[in-house]
C-alpha atoms as a PDB file:
ATOM      1  CA  UNK A   1      13.204  15.282  42.706  1.00  0.00           C
ATOM      2  CA  UNK A   2      15.767  15.328  45.235  1.00  0.00           C
ATOM      3  CA  UNK A   3      16.940  11.863  46.760  1.00  0.00           C
ATOM      4  CA  UNK A   4      20.242  13.261  48.864  1.00  0.00           C
ATOM      5  CA  UNK A   5      19.991  12.806  52.498  1.00  0.00           C
ATOM      6  CA  UNK A   6      16.374  11.381  52.045  1.00  0.00           C
ATOM      7  CA  UNK A   7      15.381   8.122  54.238  1.00  0.00           C
ATOM      8  CA  UNK A   8      16.224   5.049  52.545  1.00  0.00           C
ATOM      9  CA  UNK A   9      12.397   4.161  51.585  1.00  0.00           C
ATOM     10  CA  UNK A  10      12.054   7.574  49.985  1.00  0.00           C
ATOM     11  CA  UNK A  11      15.328   6.874  48.023  1.00  0.00           C
ATOM     12  CA  UNK A  12      14.406   3.480  47.145  1.00  0.00           C
ATOM     13  CA  UNK A  13      10.894   4.580  45.502  1.00  0.00           C
ATOM     14  CA  UNK A  14      12.653   7.610  44.036  1.00  0.00           C
ATOM     15  CA  UNK A  15      15.432   5.123  42.159  1.00  0.00           C
ATOM     16  CA  UNK A  16      12.645   2.904  40.902  1.00  0.00           C
ATOM     17  CA  UNK A  17      10.586   5.914  39.499  1.00  0.00           C
ATOM     18  CA  UNK A  18      13.607   7.022  37.687  1.00  0.00           C
ATOM     19  CA  UNK A  19      14.740   3.597  36.454  1.00  0.00           C
ATOM     20  CA  UNK A  20      11.362   2.885  35.131  1.00  0.00           C
ATOM     21  CA  UNK A  21      11.567   5.879  32.883  1.00  0.00           C
ATOM     22  CA  UNK A  22      14.380   3.848  30.876  1.00  0.00           C
ATOM     23  CA  UNK A  23      12.382   1.685  28.991  1.00  0.00           C
ATOM     24  CA  UNK A  24      15.179  -0.486  27.562  1.00  0.00           C
ATOM     25  CA  UNK A  25      16.470  -1.334  31.196  1.00  0.00           C
ATOM     26  CA  UNK A  26      12.930  -2.280  32.104  1.00  0.00           C
ATOM     27  CA  UNK A  27      12.946  -4.528  29.246  1.00  0.00           C
ATOM     28  CA  UNK A  28      16.156  -6.391  30.007  1.00  0.00           C
ATOM     29  CA  UNK A  29      15.177  -6.789  33.510  1.00  0.00           C
ATOM     30  CA  UNK A  30      11.824  -8.286  32.517  1.00  0.00           C
ATOM     31  CA  UNK A  31      13.621 -10.725  30.192  1.00  0.00           C
ATOM     32  CA  UNK A  32      16.201 -11.803  32.915  1.00  0.00           C
ATOM     33  CA  UNK A  33      13.188 -12.259  35.221  1.00  0.00           C
ATOM     34  CA  UNK A  34      11.597 -14.950  33.090  1.00  0.00           C
ATOM     35  CA  UNK A  35      14.822 -16.520  32.256  1.00  0.00           C
ATOM     36  CA  UNK A  36      15.565 -17.115  35.791  1.00  0.00           C
ATOM     37  CA  UNK A  37      12.450 -18.815  36.343  1.00  0.00           C
ATOM     38  CA  UNK A  38      13.691 -21.697  33.568  1.00  0.00           C
ATOM     39  CA  UNK A  39      17.345 -21.903  34.603  1.00  0.00           C
ATOM     40  CA  UNK A  40      18.124 -22.967  38.277  1.00  0.00           C
ATOM     41  CA  UNK A  41      21.835 -21.652  37.884  1.00  0.00           C
ATOM     42  CA  UNK A  42      20.746 -18.102  37.038  1.00  0.00           C
ATOM     43  CA  UNK A  43      18.700 -17.238  40.283  1.00  0.00           C
ATOM     44  CA  UNK A  44      21.285 -15.054  42.018  1.00  0.00           C
ATOM     45  CA  UNK A  45      21.691 -12.339  39.386  1.00  0.00           C
ATOM     46  CA  UNK A  46      21.739  -8.747  39.112  1.00  0.00           C
ATOM     47  CA  UNK A  47      21.968  -5.782  36.392  1.00  0.00           C
ATOM     48  CA  UNK A  48      24.516  -3.575  37.914  1.00  0.00           C
ATOM     49  CA  UNK A  49      27.153  -0.675  37.809  1.00  0.00           C
ATOM     50  CA  UNK A  50      26.714   1.510  34.591  1.00  0.00           C
ATOM     51  CA  UNK A  51      23.483   1.215  33.313  1.00  0.00           C
ATOM     52  CA  UNK A  52      21.856   2.172  36.726  1.00  0.00           C
ATOM     53  CA  UNK A  53      24.201   4.752  37.882  1.00  0.00           C
ATOM     54  CA  UNK A  54      24.220   6.278  34.193  1.00  0.00           C
ATOM     55  CA  UNK A  55      20.664   6.301  33.917  1.00  0.00           C
ATOM     56  CA  UNK A  56      20.375   8.321  37.423  1.00  0.00           C
ATOM     57  CA  UNK A  57      22.836  10.832  36.407  1.00  0.00           C
ATOM     58  CA  UNK A  58      21.451  11.030  32.887  1.00  0.00           C
ATOM     59  CA  UNK A  59      17.974  11.844  34.715  1.00  0.00           C
ATOM     60  CA  UNK A  60      19.489  14.518  37.110  1.00  0.00           C
ATOM     61  CA  UNK A  61      21.574  15.974  34.356  1.00  0.00           C
ATOM     62  CA  UNK A  62      18.513  16.351  32.123  1.00  0.00           C
ATOM     63  CA  UNK A  63      20.271  14.318  29.741  1.00  0.00           C
ATOM     64  CA  UNK A  64      18.741  11.790  26.955  1.00  0.00           C
ATOM     65  CA  UNK A  65      17.890   8.878  29.704  1.00  0.00           C
ATOM     66  CA  UNK A  66      20.175   6.432  27.665  1.00  0.00           C
ATOM     67  CA  UNK A  67      23.018   8.783  27.219  1.00  0.00           C
ATOM     68  CA  UNK A  68      26.395   6.741  27.433  1.00  0.00           C
ATOM     69  CA  UNK A  69      24.855   3.376  28.103  1.00  0.00           C
ATOM     70  CA  UNK A  70      26.896   1.173  25.828  1.00  0.00           C
ATOM     71  CA  UNK A  71      25.335  -2.227  27.482  1.00  0.00           C
ATOM     72  CA  UNK A  72      23.974  -3.754  30.323  1.00  0.00           C
ATOM     73  CA  UNK A  73      26.325  -5.115  32.971  1.00  0.00           C
ATOM     74  CA  UNK A  74      24.827  -8.651  34.078  1.00  0.00           C
ATOM     75  CA  UNK A  75      26.238 -10.610  36.997  1.00  0.00           C
ATOM     76  CA  UNK A  76      25.213 -13.981  38.566  1.00  0.00           C
ATOM     77  CA  UNK A  77      26.512 -16.124  41.020  1.00  0.00           C
ATOM     78  CA  UNK A  78      26.834 -20.229  40.717  1.00  0.00           C
ATOM     79  CA  UNK A  79      29.476 -22.033  42.400  1.00  0.00           C
ATOM     80  CA  UNK A  80      28.062 -25.260  41.565  1.00  0.00           C
ATOM     81  CA  UNK A  81      29.988 -25.481  38.277  1.00  0.00           C
ATOM     82  CA  UNK A  82      32.880 -23.110  37.671  1.00  0.00           C
ATOM     83  CA  UNK A  83      33.676 -24.146  34.136  1.00  0.00           C
ATOM     84  CA  UNK A  84      33.574 -21.535  31.246  1.00  0.00           C
ATOM     85  CA  UNK A  85      31.296 -24.055  29.432  1.00  0.00           C
ATOM     86  CA  UNK A  86      28.546 -23.775  32.020  1.00  0.00           C
ATOM     87  CA  UNK A  87      28.863 -19.944  32.022  1.00  0.00           C
ATOM     88  CA  UNK A  88      28.906 -19.880  28.033  1.00  0.00           C
ATOM     89  CA  UNK A  89      25.593 -21.551  27.988  1.00  0.00           C
ATOM     90  CA  UNK A  90      24.125 -18.750  29.843  1.00  0.00           C
ATOM     91  CA  UNK A  91      25.846 -16.191  27.720  1.00  0.00           C
ATOM     92  CA  UNK A  92      24.486 -17.816  24.518  1.00  0.00           C
ATOM     93  CA  UNK A  93      20.955 -18.171  25.997  1.00  0.00           C
ATOM     94  CA  UNK A  94      21.045 -14.549  26.681  1.00  0.00           C
ATOM     95  CA  UNK A  95      22.441 -13.418  23.497  1.00  0.00           C
ATOM     96  CA  UNK A  96      19.268 -15.311  21.965  1.00  0.00           C
ATOM     97  CA  UNK A  97      17.149 -13.657  24.255  1.00  0.00           C
ATOM     98  CA  UNK A  98      18.626 -10.141  24.293  1.00  0.00           C
ATOM     99  CA  UNK A  99      20.122 -10.060  20.634  1.00  0.00           C
ATOM    100  CA  UNK A 100      16.931 -10.044  18.988  1.00  0.00           C
ATOM    101  CA  UNK A 101      16.285  -6.747  20.592  1.00  0.00           C
ATOM    102  CA  UNK A 102      19.608  -5.537  19.622  1.00  0.00           C
ATOM    103  CA  UNK A 103      20.540  -5.130  23.379  1.00  0.00           C
ATOM    104  CA  UNK A 104      24.487  -5.225  23.973  1.00  0.00           C
ATOM    105  CA  UNK A 105      25.324  -6.823  27.445  1.00  0.00           C
ATOM    106  CA  UNK A 106      28.397  -8.115  29.447  1.00  0.00           C
ATOM    107  CA  UNK A 107      27.741 -11.037  31.675  1.00  0.00           C
ATOM    108  CA  UNK A 108      30.026 -12.657  34.381  1.00  0.00           C
ATOM    109  CA  UNK A 109      29.354 -15.948  36.851  1.00  0.00           C
ATOM    110  CA  UNK A 110      31.091 -13.949  39.613  1.00  0.00           C
ATOM    111  CA  UNK A 111      31.989 -17.256  41.228  1.00  0.00           C
ATOM    112  CA  UNK A 112      34.599 -18.003  38.931  1.00  0.00           C
ATOM    113  CA  UNK A 113      35.975 -14.498  38.292  1.00  0.00           C
ATOM    114  CA  UNK A 114      39.055 -15.043  40.053  1.00  0.00           C
ATOM    115  CA  UNK A 115      39.848 -18.018  37.934  1.00  0.00           C
ATOM    116  CA  UNK A 116      40.584 -16.063  34.793  1.00  0.00           C
ATOM    117  CA  UNK A 117      41.303 -12.846  36.317  1.00  0.00           C
ATOM    118  CA  UNK A 118      44.364 -14.058  38.465  1.00  0.00           C
ATOM    119  CA  UNK A 119      45.737 -16.026  35.468  1.00  0.00           C
ATOM    120  CA  UNK A 120      45.193 -12.745  33.073  1.00  0.00           C
ATOM    121  CA  UNK A 121      46.690 -10.360  35.596  1.00  0.00           C
ATOM    122  CA  UNK A 122      48.954 -12.536  37.680  1.00  0.00           C
ATOM    123  CA  UNK A 123      47.040 -11.478  40.631  1.00  0.00           C
ATOM    124  CA  UNK A 124      45.889 -13.403  43.784  1.00  0.00           C
ATOM    125  CA  UNK A 125      42.391 -12.278  44.344  1.00  0.00           C
ATOM    126  CA  UNK A 126      40.396 -14.314  46.484  1.00  0.00           C
ATOM    127  CA  UNK A 127      37.120 -16.095  45.341  1.00  0.00           C
ATOM    128  CA  UNK A 128      33.702 -13.814  45.553  1.00  0.00           C
ATOM    129  CA  UNK A 129      31.411 -15.540  47.953  1.00  0.00           C
ATOM    130  CA  UNK A 130      28.249 -14.095  46.390  1.00  0.00           C
ATOM    131  CA  UNK A 131      26.849 -11.671  44.000  1.00  0.00           C
ATOM    132  CA  UNK A 132      26.812  -9.048  46.884  1.00  0.00           C
ATOM    133  CA  UNK A 133      30.131  -9.707  47.719  1.00  0.00           C
ATOM    134  CA  UNK A 134      31.185  -8.964  44.081  1.00  0.00           C
ATOM    135  CA  UNK A 135      29.240  -5.876  44.090  1.00  0.00           C
ATOM    136  CA  UNK A 136      30.546  -4.255  46.850  1.00  0.00           C
ATOM    137  CA  UNK A 137      34.128  -4.359  45.279  1.00  0.00           C
ATOM    138  CA  UNK A 138      33.295  -2.303  42.200  1.00  0.00           C
ATOM    139  CA  UNK A 139      35.427   0.664  42.205  1.00  0.00           C
ATOM    140  CA  UNK A 140      33.303   3.475  43.233  1.00  0.00           C
ATOM    141  CA  UNK A 141      30.085   3.727  45.485  1.00  0.00           C
ATOM    142  CA  UNK A 142      27.963   4.594  42.593  1.00  0.00           C
ATOM    143  CA  UNK A 143      28.883   1.589  40.606  1.00  0.00           C
ATOM    144  CA  UNK A 144      28.427  -0.533  43.752  1.00  0.00           C
ATOM    145  CA  UNK A 145      24.697  -1.285  42.887  1.00  0.00           C
ATOM    146  CA  UNK A 146      22.576  -4.103  41.433  1.00  0.00           C
ATOM    147  CA  UNK A 147      18.769  -4.553  40.541  1.00  0.00           C
ATOM    148  CA  UNK A 148      16.645  -7.102  39.563  1.00  0.00           C
ATOM    149  CA  UNK A 149      12.757  -7.927  39.364  1.00  0.00           C
ATOM    150  CA  UNK A 150      11.077 -10.361  41.439  1.00  0.00           C
ATOM    151  CA  UNK A 151       7.678 -10.674  40.786  1.00  0.00           C
ATOM    152  CA  UNK A 152       7.569  -7.642  38.991  1.00  0.00           C
ATOM    153  CA  UNK A 153       9.058  -5.928  42.161  1.00  0.00           C
ATOM    154  CA  UNK A 154      12.537  -3.868  41.926  1.00  0.00           C
ATOM    155  CA  UNK A 155      14.917  -5.651  44.413  1.00  0.00           C
ATOM    156  CA  UNK A 156      17.866  -3.263  44.902  1.00  0.00           C
ATOM    157  CA  UNK A 157      21.342  -4.243  46.543  1.00  0.00           C
ATOM    158  CA  UNK A 158      23.329  -0.852  47.404  1.00  0.00           C
ATOM    159  CA  UNK A 159      25.882  -1.535  50.147  1.00  0.00           C
ATOM    160  CA  UNK A 160      27.051   1.982  50.497  1.00  0.00           C
ATOM    161  CA  UNK A 161      23.499   3.585  50.195  1.00  0.00           C
ATOM    162  CA  UNK A 162      22.257   5.803  47.707  1.00  0.00           C
ATOM    163  CA  UNK A 163      23.428   9.215  48.924  1.00  0.00           C
ATOM    164  CA  UNK A 164      26.286   9.172  46.442  1.00  0.00           C
ATOM    165  CA  UNK A 165      24.324   8.250  43.469  1.00  0.00           C
ATOM    166  CA  UNK A 166      21.697  11.186  44.168  1.00  0.00           C
ATOM    167  CA  UNK A 167      24.342  13.545  44.584  1.00  0.00           C
ATOM    168  CA  UNK A 168      26.678  12.490  41.782  1.00  0.00           C
ATOM    169  CA  UNK A 169      29.557  11.835  43.995  1.00  0.00           C
ATOM    170  CA  UNK A 170      32.106   9.862  42.704  1.00  0.00           C
ATOM    171  CA  UNK A 171      33.790   8.000  45.874  1.00  0.00           C
ATOM    172  CA  UNK A 172      36.342   5.087  45.576  1.00  0.00           C
ATOM    173  CA  UNK A 173      36.019   1.838  46.737  1.00  0.00           C
ATOM    174  CA  UNK A 174      39.437   0.261  47.145  1.00  0.00           C
ATOM    175  CA  UNK A 175      38.690  -3.158  47.403  1.00  0.00           C
ATOM    176  CA  UNK A 176      40.218  -5.203  44.444  1.00  0.00           C
ATOM    177  CA  UNK A 177      40.873  -1.841  42.836  1.00  0.00           C
ATOM    178  CA  UNK A 178      43.547   0.474  41.822  1.00  0.00           C
ATOM    179  CA  UNK A 179      44.027   4.160  41.766  1.00  0.00           C
ATOM    180  CA  UNK A 180      45.152   3.987  38.005  1.00  0.00           C
ATOM    181  CA  UNK A 181      41.705   2.215  37.125  1.00  0.00           C
ATOM    182  CA  UNK A 182      39.838   4.921  39.348  1.00  0.00           C
ATOM    183  CA  UNK A 183      41.428   7.759  38.215  1.00  0.00           C
ATOM    184  CA  UNK A 184      40.686   6.463  34.484  1.00  0.00           C
ATOM    185  CA  UNK A 185      36.869   6.020  35.293  1.00  0.00           C
ATOM    186  CA  UNK A 186      36.763   9.143  36.648  1.00  0.00           C
ATOM    187  CA  UNK A 187      38.142  11.001  33.775  1.00  0.00           C
ATOM    188  CA  UNK A 188      35.946   9.132  31.339  1.00  0.00           C
ATOM    189  CA  UNK A 189      32.521  10.067  33.655  1.00  0.00           C
ATOM    190  CA  UNK A 190      33.798  13.547  33.920  1.00  0.00           C
ATOM    191  CA  UNK A 191      33.772  13.894  29.995  1.00  0.00           C
ATOM    192  CA  UNK A 192      30.188  12.995  30.067  1.00  0.00           C
ATOM    193  CA  UNK A 193      28.732  14.431  33.199  1.00  0.00           C
ATOM    194  CA  UNK A 194      30.505  17.520  33.992  1.00  0.00           C
ATOM    195  CA  UNK A 195      28.689  18.310  37.253  1.00  0.00           C
ATOM    196  CA  UNK A 196      30.042  15.249  38.946  1.00  0.00           C
ATOM    197  CA  UNK A 197      31.482  15.757  42.665  1.00  0.00           C
ATOM    198  CA  UNK A 198      34.840  13.701  42.811  1.00  0.00           C
ATOM    199  CA  UNK A 199      36.362  12.334  45.893  1.00  0.00           C
ATOM    200  CA  UNK A 200      39.960  11.978  45.047  1.00  0.00           C
ATOM    201  CA  UNK A 201      41.542   8.271  45.904  1.00  0.00           C
ATOM    202  CA  UNK A 202      43.697   9.720  48.474  1.00  0.00           C
ATOM    203  CA  UNK A 203      41.344  12.042  50.110  1.00  0.00           C
END
């Protein structure tokens, strides 16, 4: 199945068809959908980045569908409480829900990322205005994607489209990212998926 340069509706259907082959990913999506129904602070959320693009890469490269996927990146947006304590409640809730199935995950409230990031890296990053704003800055077009389930239907946010994903093209997004971080990711990805098409940072 080839999704490159097809219309977006075809691409979205193909994306869903491939993602459904990853049973572990679908399991996490269903757990998160149920959790969002009971927690008002966890309404605006996505699974993003690695587990999504790597599932597609694995399918297109004829590798095991879970090859290279170490964990699931989960992001949500709640600006009503920017404390770590509020975020920690959700972390612990999901540890109980996902941990019993031995599912590793990383979760962040994107509304408060600037608070710890600026302190840790002596930076002046501005607050994200939404989950979508955060996802759009994730370093490469293929990682700038988020998915979730609503009424068991897949919702997709892909601000740069899906062509790069289906052509396995790594293209930099330079918002809140550095050449060093991009080059390190490219090197790491190239070791796992030899047929990637790399757009250099300075091209």
